[in-house]
Amino acid sequence: MSPDVAAVVDRVRAAYGNHCFACGPDNEIGLHLEFLDLADGVVSARFAARDDFRGAHQLLHGGIAATALDELLVWAGILVEDVMTVTGTLDLRFRKPVEVGGFITGQARVVERSGRRLRLSGELVIDGRSAVEAQGLYLVTTAVSDL
């Protein structure tokens, strides 16, 4: 994680705590999303697809995929636009099954900003291919600099 990204992550966690289900390091049952990079407006992160995140067979539960993507989209707003947001809509497209075990990488970006509205998109990537895609409308609540 770059020093700039780490500073913003630390600022947000100082304001909201470390117990977020998706990104909080202190949440024992959480995803523990790890931020990897911010490059060319794209936020990338990963999480361990633990066995307790599975649905049927050895496949990642769709709700866990949705949670990871929702979190990634929020962090795109934070790291790219310097704003905190809440989810207005979240649309998902499941392209291929995602197995548990190992790490899953995701990425997210700001597609468009219009006032308090952000259109965001992201995906979970497996073996270099998009496995789950997300599009959403997010509403700005405050500036990160105001935290």
N, C-alpha and C. Protein backbone atom coordinates (compact mmCIF):
# COMPACT_ATOMS: atom_id res chain seq x y z
N MET A 1 0.86 -1.17 0.00
CA MET A 1 0.00 0.00 0.00
C MET A 1 0.91 1.23 0.00
N SER A 2 0.59 2.17 -0.87
CA SER A 2 1.40 3.39 -0.94
C SER A 2 1.18 4.22 0.32
N PRO A 3 2.14 5.06 0.67
CA PRO A 3 1.97 5.92 1.85
C PRO A 3 0.74 6.83 1.77
N ASP A 4 0.42 7.33 0.57
CA ASP A 4 -0.75 8.19 0.42
C ASP A 4 -2.04 7.44 0.71
N VAL A 5 -2.17 6.22 0.17
CA VAL A 5 -3.35 5.39 0.42
C VAL A 5 -3.40 5.02 1.90
N ALA A 6 -2.29 4.64 2.48
CA ALA A 6 -2.25 4.26 3.89
C ALA A 6 -2.70 5.42 4.78
N ALA A 7 -2.31 6.63 4.46
CA ALA A 7 -2.70 7.79 5.26
C ALA A 7 -4.21 8.00 5.23
N VAL A 8 -4.82 7.83 4.06
CA VAL A 8 -6.29 7.99 3.95
C VAL A 8 -6.99 6.86 4.69
N VAL A 9 -6.52 5.63 4.51
CA VAL A 9 -7.12 4.49 5.22
C VAL A 9 -7.04 4.72 6.72
N ASP A 10 -5.90 5.17 7.22
CA ASP A 10 -5.75 5.45 8.65
C ASP A 10 -6.70 6.55 9.11
N ARG A 11 -6.87 7.58 8.30
CA ARG A 11 -7.77 8.70 8.66
C ARG A 11 -9.22 8.21 8.77
N VAL A 12 -9.65 7.40 7.80
CA VAL A 12 -11.03 6.88 7.83
C VAL A 12 -11.22 5.95 9.01
N ARG A 13 -10.25 5.07 9.26
CA ARG A 13 -10.37 4.15 10.39
C ARG A 13 -10.34 4.89 11.72
N ALA A 14 -9.58 5.97 11.81
CA ALA A 14 -9.56 6.76 13.04
C ALA A 14 -10.94 7.36 13.31
N ALA A 15 -11.65 7.73 12.26
CA ALA A 15 -12.97 8.33 12.41
C ALA A 15 -14.06 7.28 12.67
N TYR A 16 -13.96 6.12 12.03
CA TYR A 16 -15.03 5.14 12.08
C TYR A 16 -14.70 3.86 12.84
N GLY A 17 -13.46 3.66 13.18
CA GLY A 17 -13.07 2.46 13.91
C GLY A 17 -12.58 1.35 13.00
N ASN A 18 -12.17 0.27 13.62
CA ASN A 18 -11.56 -0.86 12.90
C ASN A 18 -12.44 -2.10 12.86
N HIS A 19 -13.76 -1.93 13.06
CA HIS A 19 -14.63 -3.10 13.14
C HIS A 19 -15.54 -3.27 11.93
N CYS A 20 -15.31 -2.54 10.86
CA CYS A 20 -16.10 -2.72 9.64
C CYS A 20 -16.04 -4.19 9.22
N PHE A 21 -17.18 -4.77 8.87
CA PHE A 21 -17.19 -6.18 8.46
C PHE A 21 -16.30 -6.40 7.24
N ALA A 22 -16.29 -5.46 6.31
CA ALA A 22 -15.54 -5.68 5.06
C ALA A 22 -14.06 -5.35 5.19
N CYS A 23 -13.72 -4.22 5.81
CA CYS A 23 -12.31 -3.80 5.79
C CYS A 23 -11.66 -3.71 7.18
N GLY A 24 -12.43 -3.90 8.23
CA GLY A 24 -11.89 -3.72 9.57
C GLY A 24 -10.96 -4.83 10.02
N PRO A 25 -9.73 -4.49 10.36
CA PRO A 25 -8.80 -5.53 10.81
C PRO A 25 -9.15 -6.13 12.17
N ASP A 26 -9.98 -5.43 12.97
CA ASP A 26 -10.33 -5.93 14.30
C ASP A 26 -11.61 -6.75 14.32
N ASN A 27 -12.27 -6.91 13.18
CA ASN A 27 -13.49 -7.71 13.12
C ASN A 27 -13.09 -9.16 12.87
N GLU A 28 -13.24 -10.00 13.89
CA GLU A 28 -12.77 -11.38 13.82
C GLU A 28 -13.40 -12.17 12.69
N ILE A 29 -14.65 -11.90 12.36
CA ILE A 29 -15.33 -12.69 11.33
C ILE A 29 -15.39 -11.97 9.99
N GLY A 30 -14.76 -10.81 9.89
CA GLY A 30 -14.87 -9.99 8.69
C GLY A 30 -14.01 -10.46 7.52
N LEU A 31 -14.17 -9.73 6.41
CA LEU A 31 -13.43 -10.04 5.19
C LEU A 31 -11.95 -9.68 5.29
N HIS A 32 -11.64 -8.65 6.07
CA HIS A 32 -10.27 -8.14 6.20
C HIS A 32 -9.71 -7.72 4.83
N LEU A 33 -10.50 -6.96 4.11
CA LEU A 33 -10.08 -6.44 2.82
C LEU A 33 -8.77 -5.69 2.98
N GLU A 34 -7.79 -6.06 2.16
CA GLU A 34 -6.46 -5.44 2.21
C GLU A 34 -6.29 -4.56 0.98
N PHE A 35 -5.98 -3.29 1.20
CA PHE A 35 -5.79 -2.37 0.09
C PHE A 35 -4.41 -2.58 -0.50
N LEU A 36 -4.37 -2.68 -1.82
CA LEU A 36 -3.13 -2.95 -2.50
C LEU A 36 -2.58 -1.73 -3.21
N ASP A 37 -3.47 -1.00 -3.92
CA ASP A 37 -2.95 0.05 -4.77
C ASP A 37 -4.05 1.01 -5.20
N LEU A 38 -3.62 2.18 -5.62
CA LEU A 38 -4.46 3.14 -6.32
C LEU A 38 -3.61 3.61 -7.49
N ALA A 39 -4.00 3.22 -8.70
CA ALA A 39 -3.24 3.58 -9.89
C ALA A 39 -4.19 3.97 -11.01
N ASP A 40 -3.95 5.13 -11.59
CA ASP A 40 -4.79 5.61 -12.70
C ASP A 40 -6.27 5.61 -12.35
N GLY A 41 -6.58 5.97 -11.10
CA GLY A 41 -7.98 6.06 -10.68
C GLY A 41 -8.64 4.74 -10.36
N VAL A 42 -7.87 3.66 -10.32
CA VAL A 42 -8.42 2.34 -10.02
C VAL A 42 -7.90 1.88 -8.67
N VAL A 43 -8.81 1.57 -7.76
CA VAL A 43 -8.48 1.04 -6.44
C VAL A 43 -8.45 -0.48 -6.54
N SER A 44 -7.41 -1.10 -6.03
CA SER A 44 -7.37 -2.56 -6.01
C SER A 44 -7.16 -3.02 -4.57
N ALA A 45 -7.76 -4.15 -4.27
CA ALA A 45 -7.67 -4.73 -2.93
C ALA A 45 -7.87 -6.24 -3.07
N ARG A 46 -7.64 -6.94 -1.98
CA ARG A 46 -7.86 -8.38 -1.99
C ARG A 46 -8.34 -8.84 -0.62
N PHE A 47 -8.89 -10.03 -0.61
CA PHE A 47 -9.29 -10.67 0.65
C PHE A 47 -9.14 -12.17 0.50
N ALA A 48 -8.94 -12.83 1.62
CA ALA A 48 -8.84 -14.28 1.64
C ALA A 48 -10.24 -14.87 1.59
N ALA A 49 -10.49 -15.71 0.61
CA ALA A 49 -11.79 -16.37 0.48
C ALA A 49 -11.79 -17.61 1.38
N ARG A 50 -12.03 -17.34 2.66
CA ARG A 50 -11.99 -18.43 3.65
C ARG A 50 -13.17 -19.39 3.47
N ASP A 51 -13.00 -20.57 3.96
CA ASP A 51 -14.03 -21.61 3.86
C ASP A 51 -15.35 -21.17 4.50
N ASP A 52 -15.28 -20.36 5.55
CA ASP A 52 -16.52 -19.93 6.21
C ASP A 52 -17.26 -18.85 5.41
N PHE A 53 -16.76 -18.47 4.24
CA PHE A 53 -17.45 -17.54 3.34
C PHE A 53 -18.15 -18.27 2.19
N ARG A 54 -18.25 -19.59 2.30
CA ARG A 54 -18.81 -20.33 1.18
C ARG A 54 -20.32 -20.46 1.27
N GLY A 55 -20.90 -20.67 0.10
CA GLY A 55 -22.31 -21.02 -0.02
C GLY A 55 -22.38 -22.50 -0.31
N ALA A 56 -22.89 -22.86 -1.48
CA ALA A 56 -22.97 -24.26 -1.88
C ALA A 56 -21.58 -24.76 -2.29
N HIS A 57 -21.36 -26.03 -1.99
CA HIS A 57 -20.10 -26.69 -2.37
C HIS A 57 -18.91 -25.87 -1.88
N GLN A 58 -17.97 -25.62 -2.72
CA GLN A 58 -16.78 -24.85 -2.36
C GLN A 58 -16.81 -23.47 -3.02
N LEU A 59 -17.99 -22.92 -3.20
CA LEU A 59 -18.14 -21.65 -3.89
C LEU A 59 -18.40 -20.50 -2.92
N LEU A 60 -17.81 -19.36 -3.24
CA LEU A 60 -18.01 -18.15 -2.44
C LEU A 60 -19.48 -17.77 -2.47
N HIS A 61 -20.03 -17.46 -1.31
CA HIS A 61 -21.42 -17.02 -1.22
C HIS A 61 -21.58 -15.71 -1.97
N GLY A 62 -22.65 -15.58 -2.72
CA GLY A 62 -22.90 -14.37 -3.50
C GLY A 62 -22.99 -13.12 -2.65
N GLY A 63 -23.50 -13.26 -1.44
CA GLY A 63 -23.59 -12.10 -0.54
C GLY A 63 -22.22 -11.60 -0.11
N ILE A 64 -21.27 -12.51 0.02
CA ILE A 64 -19.90 -12.11 0.36
C ILE A 64 -19.27 -11.38 -0.82
N ALA A 65 -19.49 -11.88 -2.03
CA ALA A 65 -18.99 -11.18 -3.23
C ALA A 65 -19.60 -9.78 -3.30
N ALA A 66 -20.89 -9.67 -3.03
CA ALA A 66 -21.57 -8.37 -3.07
C ALA A 66 -21.00 -7.43 -2.01
N THR A 67 -20.74 -7.95 -0.82
CA THR A 67 -20.18 -7.13 0.25
C THR A 67 -18.79 -6.62 -0.12
N ALA A 68 -17.96 -7.49 -0.65
CA ALA A 68 -16.61 -7.08 -1.05
C ALA A 68 -16.67 -6.00 -2.12
N LEU A 69 -17.53 -6.16 -3.10
CA LEU A 69 -17.64 -5.16 -4.16
C LEU A 69 -18.23 -3.85 -3.66
N ASP A 70 -19.24 -3.92 -2.81
CA ASP A 70 -19.80 -2.70 -2.23
C ASP A 70 -18.72 -1.92 -1.50
N GLU A 71 -17.91 -2.60 -0.74
CA GLU A 71 -16.82 -1.96 0.00
C GLU A 71 -15.79 -1.35 -0.95
N LEU A 72 -15.42 -2.09 -1.97
CA LEU A 72 -14.48 -1.57 -2.96
C LEU A 72 -15.00 -0.30 -3.63
N LEU A 73 -16.28 -0.29 -3.97
CA LEU A 73 -16.85 0.89 -4.61
C LEU A 73 -16.82 2.09 -3.67
N VAL A 74 -17.14 1.87 -2.41
CA VAL A 74 -17.06 2.96 -1.42
C VAL A 74 -15.64 3.49 -1.34
N TRP A 75 -14.66 2.59 -1.31
CA TRP A 75 -13.26 3.03 -1.21
C TRP A 75 -12.80 3.73 -2.48
N ALA A 76 -13.38 3.42 -3.63
CA ALA A 76 -13.06 4.20 -4.83
C ALA A 76 -13.49 5.64 -4.64
N GLY A 77 -14.67 5.86 -4.06
CA GLY A 77 -15.11 7.22 -3.75
C GLY A 77 -14.19 7.91 -2.76
N ILE A 78 -13.76 7.16 -1.76
CA ILE A 78 -12.87 7.73 -0.74
C ILE A 78 -11.52 8.12 -1.34
N LEU A 79 -10.90 7.17 -2.05
CA LEU A 79 -9.53 7.37 -2.51
C LEU A 79 -9.41 8.20 -3.78
N VAL A 80 -10.44 8.20 -4.61
CA VAL A 80 -10.38 8.94 -5.87
C VAL A 80 -11.02 10.32 -5.73
N GLU A 81 -12.18 10.38 -5.07
CA GLU A 81 -12.92 11.65 -4.97
C GLU A 81 -12.82 12.32 -3.60
N ASP A 82 -12.18 11.65 -2.62
CA ASP A 82 -12.01 12.21 -1.28
C ASP A 82 -13.35 12.44 -0.58
N VAL A 83 -14.30 11.49 -0.79
CA VAL A 83 -15.62 11.63 -0.17
C VAL A 83 -16.07 10.31 0.44
N MET A 84 -16.85 10.42 1.50
CA MET A 84 -17.54 9.28 2.10
C MET A 84 -18.89 9.18 1.41
N THR A 85 -19.35 7.96 1.18
CA THR A 85 -20.62 7.75 0.50
C THR A 85 -21.44 6.67 1.19
N VAL A 86 -22.70 6.60 0.81
CA VAL A 86 -23.56 5.48 1.17
C VAL A 86 -24.12 4.91 -0.13
N THR A 87 -24.46 3.64 -0.09
CA THR A 87 -24.95 2.95 -1.28
C THR A 87 -26.37 3.37 -1.58
N GLY A 88 -26.60 3.81 -2.83
CA GLY A 88 -27.96 4.08 -3.31
C GLY A 88 -28.49 2.86 -4.04
N THR A 89 -27.73 2.38 -5.01
CA THR A 89 -28.07 1.15 -5.72
C THR A 89 -26.80 0.35 -5.94
N LEU A 90 -26.96 -0.94 -6.05
CA LEU A 90 -25.84 -1.83 -6.36
C LEU A 90 -26.36 -2.95 -7.24
N ASP A 91 -25.87 -2.99 -8.46
CA ASP A 91 -26.26 -4.03 -9.42
C ASP A 91 -25.07 -4.95 -9.65
N LEU A 92 -25.34 -6.26 -9.60
CA LEU A 92 -24.28 -7.25 -9.75
C LEU A 92 -24.54 -8.16 -10.94
N ARG A 93 -23.47 -8.60 -11.53
CA ARG A 93 -23.54 -9.60 -12.59
C ARG A 93 -22.51 -10.67 -12.25
N PHE A 94 -23.00 -11.88 -12.03
CA PHE A 94 -22.13 -13.00 -11.70
C PHE A 94 -21.75 -13.70 -13.00
N ARG A 95 -20.47 -13.61 -13.37
CA ARG A 95 -20.00 -14.13 -14.65
C ARG A 95 -19.51 -15.58 -14.57
N LYS A 96 -18.91 -15.93 -13.44
CA LYS A 96 -18.41 -17.30 -13.28
C LYS A 96 -18.32 -17.60 -11.79
N PRO A 97 -18.42 -18.87 -11.42
CA PRO A 97 -18.33 -19.24 -10.01
C PRO A 97 -16.96 -18.87 -9.43
N VAL A 98 -16.97 -18.51 -8.16
CA VAL A 98 -15.75 -18.16 -7.46
C VAL A 98 -15.54 -19.17 -6.34
N GLU A 99 -14.45 -19.89 -6.39
CA GLU A 99 -14.17 -20.89 -5.38
C GLU A 99 -13.55 -20.25 -4.14
N VAL A 100 -13.81 -20.85 -2.98
CA VAL A 100 -13.15 -20.40 -1.75
C VAL A 100 -11.75 -20.99 -1.73
N GLY A 101 -10.91 -20.40 -0.90
CA GLY A 101 -9.51 -20.81 -0.83
C GLY A 101 -8.68 -19.81 -1.62
N GLY A 102 -7.61 -19.38 -1.04
CA GLY A 102 -6.76 -18.41 -1.72
C GLY A 102 -7.30 -17.00 -1.62
N PHE A 103 -6.68 -16.10 -2.35
CA PHE A 103 -7.07 -14.70 -2.32
C PHE A 103 -7.88 -14.33 -3.55
N ILE A 104 -8.82 -13.43 -3.36
CA ILE A 104 -9.60 -12.86 -4.45
C ILE A 104 -9.23 -11.39 -4.54
N THR A 105 -8.92 -10.94 -5.75
CA THR A 105 -8.56 -9.55 -5.99
C THR A 105 -9.75 -8.83 -6.61
N GLY A 106 -9.95 -7.60 -6.18
CA GLY A 106 -11.00 -6.78 -6.76
C GLY A 106 -10.46 -5.42 -7.12
N GLN A 107 -11.20 -4.75 -7.98
CA GLN A 107 -10.83 -3.39 -8.34
C GLN A 107 -12.09 -2.57 -8.54
N ALA A 108 -11.96 -1.25 -8.35
CA ALA A 108 -13.10 -0.36 -8.48
C ALA A 108 -12.64 1.00 -8.98
N ARG A 109 -13.58 1.71 -9.61
CA ARG A 109 -13.26 3.02 -10.17
C ARG A 109 -14.50 3.91 -10.15
N VAL A 110 -14.25 5.20 -10.20
CA VAL A 110 -15.33 6.18 -10.34
C VAL A 110 -15.61 6.31 -11.83
N VAL A 111 -16.84 6.10 -12.22
CA VAL A 111 -17.24 6.24 -13.62
C VAL A 111 -17.64 7.68 -13.91
N GLU A 112 -18.37 8.29 -12.96
CA GLU A 112 -18.88 9.64 -13.17
C GLU A 112 -19.27 10.25 -11.83
N ARG A 113 -19.09 11.56 -11.72
CA ARG A 113 -19.57 12.28 -10.55
C ARG A 113 -20.44 13.42 -11.02
N SER A 114 -21.61 13.53 -10.38
CA SER A 114 -22.53 14.63 -10.65
C SER A 114 -23.04 15.13 -9.31
N GLY A 115 -22.46 16.21 -8.82
CA GLY A 115 -22.84 16.73 -7.51
C GLY A 115 -22.57 15.73 -6.42
N ARG A 116 -23.65 15.34 -5.72
CA ARG A 116 -23.53 14.38 -4.62
C ARG A 116 -23.64 12.93 -5.07
N ARG A 117 -23.74 12.71 -6.36
CA ARG A 117 -23.92 11.35 -6.88
C ARG A 117 -22.65 10.86 -7.57
N LEU A 118 -22.27 9.65 -7.20
CA LEU A 118 -21.15 8.98 -7.85
C LEU A 118 -21.65 7.71 -8.52
N ARG A 119 -21.29 7.53 -9.75
CA ARG A 119 -21.50 6.25 -10.42
C ARG A 119 -20.17 5.52 -10.36
N LEU A 120 -20.20 4.31 -9.81
CA LEU A 120 -18.98 3.54 -9.57
C LEU A 120 -19.12 2.17 -10.22
N SER A 121 -17.99 1.58 -10.56
CA SER A 121 -18.01 0.21 -11.09
C SER A 121 -16.82 -0.55 -10.53
N GLY A 122 -16.96 -1.85 -10.51
CA GLY A 122 -15.88 -2.68 -10.00
C GLY A 122 -16.07 -4.13 -10.40
N GLU A 123 -15.08 -4.92 -10.04
CA GLU A 123 -15.14 -6.34 -10.38
C GLU A 123 -14.24 -7.15 -9.46
N LEU A 124 -14.61 -8.41 -9.28
CA LEU A 124 -13.73 -9.39 -8.67
C LEU A 124 -13.10 -10.17 -9.81
N VAL A 125 -11.80 -10.35 -9.74
CA VAL A 125 -11.05 -10.96 -10.84
C VAL A 125 -10.44 -12.28 -10.39
N ILE A 126 -10.69 -13.33 -11.18
CA ILE A 126 -10.14 -14.65 -10.91
C ILE A 126 -9.38 -15.10 -12.16
N ASP A 127 -8.13 -15.47 -11.98
CA ASP A 127 -7.29 -15.92 -13.10
C ASP A 127 -7.30 -14.93 -14.26
N GLY A 128 -7.27 -13.65 -13.93
CA GLY A 128 -7.22 -12.61 -14.95
C GLY A 128 -8.53 -12.32 -15.64
N ARG A 129 -9.62 -12.97 -15.22
CA ARG A 129 -10.93 -12.75 -15.84
C ARG A 129 -11.93 -12.24 -14.81
N SER A 130 -12.83 -11.41 -15.28
CA SER A 130 -13.87 -10.85 -14.42
C SER A 130 -14.84 -11.97 -14.02
N ALA A 131 -15.00 -12.18 -12.71
CA ALA A 131 -15.91 -13.21 -12.21
C ALA A 131 -17.23 -12.61 -11.73
N VAL A 132 -17.14 -11.45 -11.08
CA VAL A 132 -18.33 -10.76 -10.60
C VAL A 132 -18.14 -9.28 -10.89
N GLU A 133 -19.14 -8.66 -11.51
CA GLU A 133 -19.08 -7.24 -11.85
C GLU A 133 -20.12 -6.48 -11.05
N ALA A 134 -19.81 -5.24 -10.73
CA ALA A 134 -20.74 -4.39 -9.97
C ALA A 134 -20.79 -3.00 -10.59
N GLN A 135 -21.99 -2.43 -10.55
CA GLN A 135 -22.23 -1.04 -10.93
C GLN A 135 -23.10 -0.46 -9.82
N GLY A 136 -22.87 0.78 -9.45
CA GLY A 136 -23.69 1.34 -8.40
C GLY A 136 -23.76 2.84 -8.43
N LEU A 137 -24.81 3.34 -7.79
CA LEU A 137 -24.98 4.77 -7.57
C LEU A 137 -24.77 4.99 -6.07
N TYR A 138 -23.84 5.87 -5.74
CA TYR A 138 -23.49 6.14 -4.35
C TYR A 138 -23.68 7.62 -4.06
N LEU A 139 -24.14 7.93 -2.87
CA LEU A 139 -24.46 9.30 -2.48
C LEU A 139 -23.43 9.82 -1.49
N VAL A 140 -22.88 10.98 -1.78
CA VAL A 140 -21.86 11.59 -0.94
C VAL A 140 -22.49 12.05 0.37
N THR A 141 -21.82 11.69 1.49
CA THR A 141 -22.28 12.13 2.81
C THR A 141 -21.40 13.22 3.39
N THR A 142 -20.08 13.11 3.18
CA THR A 142 -19.15 14.09 3.71
C THR A 142 -17.81 13.96 3.00
N ALA A 143 -17.00 14.96 3.13
CA ALA A 143 -15.64 14.89 2.58
C ALA A 143 -14.73 14.17 3.58
N VAL A 144 -13.80 13.39 3.08
CA VAL A 144 -12.84 12.71 3.94
C VAL A 144 -12.04 13.75 4.73
N SER A 145 -11.75 14.87 4.11
CA SER A 145 -10.98 15.92 4.79
C SER A 145 -11.73 16.52 5.98
N ASP A 146 -13.05 16.29 6.06
CA ASP A 146 -13.84 16.78 7.20
C ASP A 146 -13.87 15.80 8.37
N LEU A 147 -13.28 14.63 8.19
CA LEU A 147 -13.30 13.62 9.27
C LEU A 147 -12.35 14.02 10.38
